[in-house]
Amino acid sequence: MGKSGIARNVPAGPFSLDCTRCPRLAAHLSAVRQSNPDYHARPVAPFGDATPKLLIVGLAPGMHGANRTGRPFTGDHAGILLYETLHRYGFSNQAEATASGDGLVLQGCRITNAVKCLPPENKPLPVEIRECNGYLRAEIATLTPGTALLALGTVAHQAVLRALDRRVAEHPFAHGAVHALPQGMSLFDSYHCSRYNTQTRRLTPAMFHEVFARIRRHLNQRSAAVGA
């Protein structure tokens, strides 16, 4: 990871490990660093391919996952289903993510969050989501036409739309829904792969796999059309 905090193969941008634009989040991270000195406990950089065909947008770092390891969805329950599914559909070289030095490489995929800092009780405030949206806006602006985006949950879904100046009312969130975006991009929706959703079976592995199967078919069709 470079000085900007961007993961190793993501181009430098406005993201900064030193960001303190949200006072509540900055104070919370400072307290976490005091109680857990071995934790990353800073804004978490995007991770993955520099020119992805798929950008996955989550909510925010988890306390004992990304906030601990410094890599999205790494080391906690939410990452179990995500990385197994990424591997299943050819977006990663391995099915597990345990630590930043575990050898994991994403292929044609990048993972980011709507909010880059750990929020208290995993609940960012609306003002914090808006404040952090500039980073997501800058990241999406680097994507090539035709990129697929996957929003994990309503907050991520709305953050993507806000970053693209799209009206939320015209693109309601629904698990399995697909929304057309500018530049030939598409936004796919899924329930978040959180412990709560998977344990209550609001989101099952089969449901999650079907979303990724649809994304993979979409990307394969686009690739075939471009190569035709």
C-alpha atoms as a PDB file:
ATOM      1  CA  MET A   1       0.000   0.000   0.000  1.00  0.00           C
ATOM      2  CA  GLY A   2       1.384   3.393  -0.983  1.00  0.00           C
ATOM      3  CA  LYS A   3       1.521   6.616   0.983  1.00  0.00           C
ATOM      4  CA  SER A   4      -1.902   7.624  -0.306  1.00  0.00           C
ATOM      5  CA  GLY A   5      -3.400   4.528   1.290  1.00  0.00           C
ATOM      6  CA  ILE A   6      -4.651   3.116  -2.017  1.00  0.00           C
ATOM      7  CA  ALA A   7      -4.222  -0.644  -2.207  1.00  0.00           C
ATOM      8  CA  ARG A   8      -1.177  -1.792  -4.134  1.00  0.00           C
ATOM      9  CA  ASN A   9      -2.658  -2.047  -7.645  1.00  0.00           C
ATOM     10  CA  VAL A  10      -5.195   0.790  -7.527  1.00  0.00           C
ATOM     11  CA  PRO A  11      -4.144   4.135  -9.048  1.00  0.00           C
ATOM     12  CA  ALA A  12      -3.575   7.047  -6.677  1.00  0.00           C
ATOM     13  CA  GLY A  13      -6.500   9.375  -6.142  1.00  0.00           C
ATOM     14  CA  PRO A  14      -8.032  11.621  -3.485  1.00  0.00           C
ATOM     15  CA  PHE A  15      -8.255   8.867  -0.873  1.00  0.00           C
ATOM     16  CA  SER A  16      -6.018   9.435   2.148  1.00  0.00           C
ATOM     17  CA  LEU A  17      -5.184   7.372   5.202  1.00  0.00           C
ATOM     18  CA  ASP A  18      -4.990  10.677   7.072  1.00  0.00           C
ATOM     19  CA  CYS A  19      -8.538  11.798   6.278  1.00  0.00           C
ATOM     20  CA  THR A  20     -10.325  13.289   9.325  1.00  0.00           C
ATOM     21  CA  ARG A  21     -13.158  15.060   7.513  1.00  0.00           C
ATOM     22  CA  CYS A  22     -15.798  13.407   9.692  1.00  0.00           C
ATOM     23  CA  PRO A  23     -15.097  14.416  13.329  1.00  0.00           C
ATOM     24  CA  ARG A  24     -17.201  11.652  14.895  1.00  0.00           C
ATOM     25  CA  LEU A  25     -15.514   8.934  12.829  1.00  0.00           C
ATOM     26  CA  ALA A  26     -12.032  10.374  13.401  1.00  0.00           C
ATOM     27  CA  ALA A  27     -12.617  10.445  17.164  1.00  0.00           C
ATOM     28  CA  HIS A  28     -13.961   6.883  17.093  1.00  0.00           C
ATOM     29  CA  LEU A  29     -10.915   5.607  15.201  1.00  0.00           C
ATOM     30  CA  SER A  30      -8.600   7.406  17.602  1.00  0.00           C
ATOM     31  CA  ALA A  31     -10.268   5.618  20.508  1.00  0.00           C
ATOM     32  CA  VAL A  32     -10.060   2.274  18.693  1.00  0.00           C
ATOM     33  CA  ARG A  33      -6.322   2.769  18.110  1.00  0.00           C
ATOM     34  CA  GLN A  34      -5.872   3.343  21.822  1.00  0.00           C
ATOM     35  CA  SER A  35      -7.740   0.195  22.812  1.00  0.00           C
ATOM     36  CA  ASN A  36      -6.445  -1.941  19.887  1.00  0.00           C
ATOM     37  CA  PRO A  37      -2.950  -0.689  19.015  1.00  0.00           C
ATOM     38  CA  ASP A  38      -2.365  -3.579  16.607  1.00  0.00           C
ATOM     39  CA  TYR A  39      -5.444  -2.701  14.503  1.00  0.00           C
ATOM     40  CA  HIS A  40      -5.297  -0.715  11.252  1.00  0.00           C
ATOM     41  CA  ALA A  41      -7.961   1.671  12.685  1.00  0.00           C
ATOM     42  CA  ARG A  42      -7.726   4.218   9.872  1.00  0.00           C
ATOM     43  CA  PRO A  43      -9.626   4.848   6.638  1.00  0.00           C
ATOM     44  CA  VAL A  44      -9.585   1.645   4.560  1.00  0.00           C
ATOM     45  CA  ALA A  45      -8.386   1.857   0.971  1.00  0.00           C
ATOM     46  CA  PRO A  46     -10.062   0.223  -2.027  1.00  0.00           C
ATOM     47  CA  PHE A  47      -8.531  -3.130  -2.907  1.00  0.00           C
ATOM     48  CA  GLY A  48      -8.172  -4.957  -6.198  1.00  0.00           C
ATOM     49  CA  ASP A  49      -7.674  -4.524  -9.920  1.00  0.00           C
ATOM     50  CA  ALA A  50      -6.628  -1.067 -11.154  1.00  0.00           C
ATOM     51  CA  THR A  51      -8.954  -1.377 -14.171  1.00  0.00           C
ATOM     52  CA  PRO A  52     -11.802  -3.575 -12.910  1.00  0.00           C
ATOM     53  CA  LYS A  53     -14.685  -4.937 -14.909  1.00  0.00           C
ATOM     54  CA  LEU A  54     -16.578  -5.173 -11.607  1.00  0.00           C
ATOM     55  CA  LEU A  55     -16.550  -2.654  -8.759  1.00  0.00           C
ATOM     56  CA  ILE A  56     -18.109  -3.916  -5.520  1.00  0.00           C
ATOM     57  CA  VAL A  57     -19.325  -1.247  -3.100  1.00  0.00           C
ATOM     58  CA  GLY A  58     -19.891  -2.194   0.527  1.00  0.00           C
ATOM     59  CA  LEU A  59     -21.132  -0.142   3.456  1.00  0.00           C
ATOM     60  CA  ALA A  60     -18.140   0.531   5.740  1.00  0.00           C
ATOM     61  CA  PRO A  61     -15.232  -1.320   7.397  1.00  0.00           C
ATOM     62  CA  GLY A  62     -16.156  -3.814  10.094  1.00  0.00           C
ATOM     63  CA  MET A  63     -14.601  -3.486  13.546  1.00  0.00           C
ATOM     64  CA  HIS A  64     -12.728  -6.785  13.530  1.00  0.00           C
ATOM     65  CA  GLY A  65     -12.501  -7.153   9.739  1.00  0.00           C
ATOM     66  CA  ALA A  66     -11.291  -4.337   7.499  1.00  0.00           C
ATOM     67  CA  ASN A  67     -10.763  -2.008  10.446  1.00  0.00           C
ATOM     68  CA  ARG A  68      -8.380  -4.590  11.899  1.00  0.00           C
ATOM     69  CA  THR A  69      -6.644  -5.823   8.758  1.00  0.00           C
ATOM     70  CA  GLY A  70      -6.747  -2.699   6.578  1.00  0.00           C
ATOM     71  CA  ARG A  71      -8.363  -4.517   3.634  1.00  0.00           C
ATOM     72  CA  PRO A  72     -12.073  -4.568   2.722  1.00  0.00           C
ATOM     73  CA  PHE A  73     -14.059  -7.597   3.964  1.00  0.00           C
ATOM     74  CA  THR A  74     -10.909  -9.308   5.240  1.00  0.00           C
ATOM     75  CA  GLY A  75     -10.845 -11.264   8.467  1.00  0.00           C
ATOM     76  CA  ASP A  76     -14.515 -11.130   9.466  1.00  0.00           C
ATOM     77  CA  HIS A  77     -17.755 -13.001   8.842  1.00  0.00           C
ATOM     78  CA  ALA A  78     -18.962 -10.703   6.049  1.00  0.00           C
ATOM     79  CA  GLY A  79     -15.975 -11.658   3.911  1.00  0.00           C
ATOM     80  CA  ILE A  80     -16.538 -15.399   4.091  1.00  0.00           C
ATOM     81  CA  LEU A  81     -19.366 -15.567   1.559  1.00  0.00           C
ATOM     82  CA  LEU A  82     -18.011 -12.677  -0.507  1.00  0.00           C
ATOM     83  CA  TYR A  83     -14.557 -14.102  -1.176  1.00  0.00           C
ATOM     84  CA  GLU A  84     -15.818 -17.652  -1.655  1.00  0.00           C
ATOM     85  CA  THR A  85     -18.192 -16.283  -4.288  1.00  0.00           C
ATOM     86  CA  LEU A  86     -15.538 -14.130  -5.953  1.00  0.00           C
ATOM     87  CA  HIS A  87     -13.352 -17.211  -6.282  1.00  0.00           C
ATOM     88  CA  ARG A  88     -16.231 -19.318  -7.574  1.00  0.00           C
ATOM     89  CA  TYR A  89     -16.914 -16.857 -10.389  1.00  0.00           C
ATOM     90  CA  GLY A  90     -13.295 -16.193 -11.345  1.00  0.00           C
ATOM     91  CA  PHE A  91     -12.750 -12.814  -9.686  1.00  0.00           C
ATOM     92  CA  SER A  92     -10.086 -13.927  -7.174  1.00  0.00           C
ATOM     93  CA  ASN A  93      -7.250 -16.422  -6.966  1.00  0.00           C
ATOM     94  CA  GLN A  94      -8.382 -17.902  -3.653  1.00  0.00           C
ATOM     95  CA  ALA A  95     -11.570 -18.376  -1.671  1.00  0.00           C
ATOM     96  CA  GLU A  96     -10.466 -16.998   1.688  1.00  0.00           C
ATOM     97  CA  ALA A  97      -9.291 -13.614   2.949  1.00  0.00           C
ATOM     98  CA  THR A  98      -7.682 -13.654   6.373  1.00  0.00           C
ATOM     99  CA  ALA A  99      -5.011 -10.918   6.381  1.00  0.00           C
ATOM    100  CA  SER A 100      -3.505  -8.323   4.068  1.00  0.00           C
ATOM    101  CA  GLY A 101      -0.481 -10.539   3.368  1.00  0.00           C
ATOM    102  CA  ASP A 102      -2.363 -13.759   2.606  1.00  0.00           C
ATOM    103  CA  GLY A 103      -1.591 -13.770  -1.134  1.00  0.00           C
ATOM    104  CA  LEU A 104      -5.094 -12.868  -2.261  1.00  0.00           C
ATOM    105  CA  VAL A 105      -5.294 -11.216  -5.687  1.00  0.00           C
ATOM    106  CA  LEU A 106      -8.495  -9.947  -7.285  1.00  0.00           C
ATOM    107  CA  GLN A 107      -8.881 -10.441 -11.022  1.00  0.00           C
ATOM    108  CA  GLY A 108     -10.991  -7.945 -12.940  1.00  0.00           C
ATOM    109  CA  CYS A 109     -12.578  -6.833  -9.679  1.00  0.00           C
ATOM    110  CA  ARG A 110     -12.108  -4.131  -7.068  1.00  0.00           C
ATOM    111  CA  ILE A 111     -13.768  -3.691  -3.665  1.00  0.00           C
ATOM    112  CA  THR A 112     -14.462  -0.353  -2.001  1.00  0.00           C
ATOM    113  CA  ASN A 113     -16.873   1.058   0.592  1.00  0.00           C
ATOM    114  CA  ALA A 114     -19.409   3.857   0.644  1.00  0.00           C
ATOM    115  CA  VAL A 115     -17.817   5.015   3.920  1.00  0.00           C
ATOM    116  CA  LYS A 116     -14.092   4.417   4.315  1.00  0.00           C
ATOM    117  CA  CYS A 117     -13.938   4.607   8.147  1.00  0.00           C
ATOM    118  CA  LEU A 118     -15.347   2.354  10.841  1.00  0.00           C
ATOM    119  CA  PRO A 119     -18.544   3.966  12.201  1.00  0.00           C
ATOM    120  CA  PRO A 120     -19.751   3.432  15.773  1.00  0.00           C
ATOM    121  CA  GLU A 121     -22.162   0.465  15.886  1.00  0.00           C
ATOM    122  CA  ASN A 122     -21.564   0.055  12.138  1.00  0.00           C
ATOM    123  CA  LYS A 123     -24.013   2.900  11.468  1.00  0.00           C
ATOM    124  CA  PRO A 124     -22.618   5.899   9.579  1.00  0.00           C
ATOM    125  CA  LEU A 125     -24.636   9.097   9.801  1.00  0.00           C
ATOM    126  CA  PRO A 126     -26.170  10.554   6.619  1.00  0.00           C
ATOM    127  CA  VAL A 127     -23.767  13.500   6.781  1.00  0.00           C
ATOM    128  CA  GLU A 128     -20.814  11.080   6.934  1.00  0.00           C
ATOM    129  CA  ILE A 129     -22.073   9.129   3.941  1.00  0.00           C
ATOM    130  CA  ARG A 130     -22.371  12.378   1.988  1.00  0.00           C
ATOM    131  CA  GLU A 131     -18.943  13.604   3.103  1.00  0.00           C
ATOM    132  CA  CYS A 132     -17.265  10.378   1.997  1.00  0.00           C
ATOM    133  CA  ASN A 133     -19.137  10.284  -1.310  1.00  0.00           C
ATOM    134  CA  GLY A 134     -16.523  12.428  -3.013  1.00  0.00           C
ATOM    135  CA  TYR A 135     -14.037   9.577  -2.741  1.00  0.00           C
ATOM    136  CA  LEU A 136     -16.496   7.152  -4.337  1.00  0.00           C
ATOM    137  CA  ARG A 137     -17.316   9.705  -7.024  1.00  0.00           C
ATOM    138  CA  ALA A 138     -13.618  10.066  -7.897  1.00  0.00           C
ATOM    139  CA  GLU A 139     -13.162   6.291  -7.970  1.00  0.00           C
ATOM    140  CA  ILE A 140     -16.161   5.678 -10.222  1.00  0.00           C
ATOM    141  CA  ALA A 141     -14.914   8.423 -12.558  1.00  0.00           C
ATOM    142  CA  THR A 142     -11.838   6.279 -13.304  1.00  0.00           C
ATOM    143  CA  LEU A 143     -13.900   3.274 -14.441  1.00  0.00           C
ATOM    144  CA  THR A 144     -14.012   2.328 -18.101  1.00  0.00           C
ATOM    145  CA  PRO A 145     -17.332   2.369 -19.997  1.00  0.00           C
ATOM    146  CA  GLY A 146     -19.304  -0.829 -19.518  1.00  0.00           C
ATOM    147  CA  THR A 147     -18.047  -1.556 -16.009  1.00  0.00           C
ATOM    148  CA  ALA A 148     -20.456  -3.429 -13.741  1.00  0.00           C
ATOM    149  CA  LEU A 149     -21.026  -2.164 -10.203  1.00  0.00           C
ATOM    150  CA  LEU A 150     -22.419  -4.256  -7.364  1.00  0.00           C
ATOM    151  CA  ALA A 151     -23.992  -2.488  -4.389  1.00  0.00           C
ATOM    152  CA  LEU A 152     -24.114  -4.513  -1.197  1.00  0.00           C
ATOM    153  CA  GLY A 153     -27.130  -3.045   0.558  1.00  0.00           C
ATOM    154  CA  THR A 154     -29.225   0.087   0.341  1.00  0.00           C
ATOM    155  CA  VAL A 155     -26.596   2.523   1.653  1.00  0.00           C
ATOM    156  CA  ALA A 156     -24.068   1.416  -0.962  1.00  0.00           C
ATOM    157  CA  HIS A 157     -26.755   1.509  -3.662  1.00  0.00           C
ATOM    158  CA  GLN A 158     -27.714   5.078  -2.831  1.00  0.00           C
ATOM    159  CA  ALA A 159     -24.063   6.127  -2.524  1.00  0.00           C
ATOM    160  CA  VAL A 160     -23.368   4.926  -6.078  1.00  0.00           C
ATOM    161  CA  LEU A 161     -26.366   6.826  -7.411  1.00  0.00           C
ATOM    162  CA  ARG A 162     -25.345   9.973  -5.525  1.00  0.00           C
ATOM    163  CA  ALA A 163     -21.810   9.699  -6.920  1.00  0.00           C
ATOM    164  CA  LEU A 164     -23.287   9.608 -10.433  1.00  0.00           C
ATOM    165  CA  ASP A 165     -25.865  12.359  -9.804  1.00  0.00           C
ATOM    166  CA  ARG A 166     -28.712   9.913 -10.398  1.00  0.00           C
ATOM    167  CA  ARG A 167     -32.110  10.230  -8.704  1.00  0.00           C
ATOM    168  CA  VAL A 168     -32.555   7.547  -6.051  1.00  0.00           C
ATOM    169  CA  ALA A 169     -36.313   7.476  -6.617  1.00  0.00           C
ATOM    170  CA  GLU A 170     -35.752   6.403 -10.221  1.00  0.00           C
ATOM    171  CA  HIS A 171     -33.575   3.457  -9.179  1.00  0.00           C
ATOM    172  CA  PRO A 172     -35.135   1.743  -6.129  1.00  0.00           C
ATOM    173  CA  PHE A 173     -32.995  -0.831  -4.349  1.00  0.00           C
ATOM    174  CA  ALA A 174     -34.096  -4.455  -4.580  1.00  0.00           C
ATOM    175  CA  HIS A 175     -32.085  -7.631  -4.214  1.00  0.00           C
ATOM    176  CA  GLY A 176     -31.333  -8.956  -7.701  1.00  0.00           C
ATOM    177  CA  ALA A 177     -32.279  -5.717  -9.462  1.00  0.00           C
ATOM    178  CA  VAL A 178     -30.166  -4.252 -12.271  1.00  0.00           C
ATOM    179  CA  HIS A 179     -30.059  -0.554 -13.160  1.00  0.00           C
ATOM    180  CA  ALA A 180     -28.698   1.074 -16.312  1.00  0.00           C
ATOM    181  CA  LEU A 181     -26.124   3.797 -15.633  1.00  0.00           C
ATOM    182  CA  PRO A 182     -24.249   6.322 -17.819  1.00  0.00           C
ATOM    183  CA  GLN A 183     -21.285   5.197 -19.944  1.00  0.00           C
ATOM    184  CA  GLY A 184     -22.876   1.798 -20.504  1.00  0.00           C
ATOM    185  CA  MET A 185     -22.333   0.832 -16.863  1.00  0.00           C
ATOM    186  CA  SER A 186     -24.800  -1.302 -14.906  1.00  0.00           C
ATOM    187  CA  LEU A 187     -25.587  -1.333 -11.196  1.00  0.00           C
ATOM    188  CA  PHE A 188     -26.462  -4.704  -9.676  1.00  0.00           C
ATOM    189  CA  ASP A 189     -28.098  -4.892  -6.239  1.00  0.00           C
ATOM    190  CA  SER A 190     -27.659  -7.474  -3.500  1.00  0.00           C
ATOM    191  CA  TYR A 191     -28.428  -7.669   0.171  1.00  0.00           C
ATOM    192  CA  HIS A 192     -25.245  -7.147   2.171  1.00  0.00           C
ATOM    193  CA  CYS A 193     -23.372 -10.341   3.055  1.00  0.00           C
ATOM    194  CA  SER A 194     -23.355  -9.430   6.767  1.00  0.00           C
ATOM    195  CA  ARG A 195     -23.540 -11.970   9.562  1.00  0.00           C
ATOM    196  CA  TYR A 196     -27.094 -10.849  10.358  1.00  0.00           C
ATOM    197  CA  ASN A 197     -28.331 -11.316   6.785  1.00  0.00           C
ATOM    198  CA  THR A 198     -26.666 -14.686   6.253  1.00  0.00           C
ATOM    199  CA  GLN A 199     -27.603 -16.151   9.641  1.00  0.00           C
ATOM    200  CA  THR A 200     -31.246 -15.072   9.325  1.00  0.00           C
ATOM    201  CA  ARG A 201     -31.146 -16.372   5.739  1.00  0.00           C
ATOM    202  CA  ARG A 202     -32.365 -13.092   4.372  1.00  0.00           C
ATOM    203  CA  LEU A 203     -29.392 -13.706   2.076  1.00  0.00           C
ATOM    204  CA  THR A 204     -28.512 -17.308   1.252  1.00  0.00           C
ATOM    205  CA  PRO A 205     -25.408 -18.466  -0.639  1.00  0.00           C
ATOM    206  CA  ALA A 206     -27.654 -19.473  -3.543  1.00  0.00           C
ATOM    207  CA  MET A 207     -29.165 -15.981  -3.708  1.00  0.00           C
ATOM    208  CA  PHE A 208     -25.711 -14.376  -3.626  1.00  0.00           C
ATOM    209  CA  HIS A 209     -24.340 -16.777  -6.226  1.00  0.00           C
ATOM    210  CA  GLU A 210     -27.210 -15.984  -8.575  1.00  0.00           C
ATOM    211  CA  VAL A 211     -26.355 -12.276  -8.477  1.00  0.00           C
ATOM    212  CA  PHE A 212     -22.750 -13.057  -9.373  1.00  0.00           C
ATOM    213  CA  ALA A 213     -23.802 -15.517 -12.060  1.00  0.00           C
ATOM    214  CA  ARG A 214     -25.843 -12.750 -13.635  1.00  0.00           C
ATOM    215  CA  ILE A 215     -22.910 -10.333 -13.410  1.00  0.00           C
ATOM    216  CA  ARG A 216     -20.583 -12.891 -14.996  1.00  0.00           C
ATOM    217  CA  ARG A 217     -23.048 -13.515 -17.852  1.00  0.00           C
ATOM    218  CA  HIS A 218     -23.410  -9.771 -18.359  1.00  0.00           C
ATOM    219  CA  LEU A 219     -19.646  -9.234 -18.531  1.00  0.00           C
ATOM    220  CA  ASN A 220     -19.130 -12.215 -20.835  1.00  0.00           C
ATOM    221  CA  GLN A 221     -21.806 -10.910 -23.197  1.00  0.00           C
ATOM    222  CA  ARG A 222     -20.240  -7.436 -23.244  1.00  0.00           C
ATOM    223  CA  SER A 223     -16.801  -8.918 -23.891  1.00  0.00           C
ATOM    224  CA  ALA A 224     -18.153 -11.020 -26.764  1.00  0.00           C
ATOM    225  CA  ALA A 225     -19.918  -8.009 -28.273  1.00  0.00           C
ATOM    226  CA  VAL A 226     -16.767  -5.877 -28.128  1.00  0.00           C
ATOM    227  CA  GLY A 227     -14.704  -8.657 -29.678  1.00  0.00           C
ATOM    228  CA  ALA A 228     -17.210  -9.358 -32.432  1.00  0.00           C
END
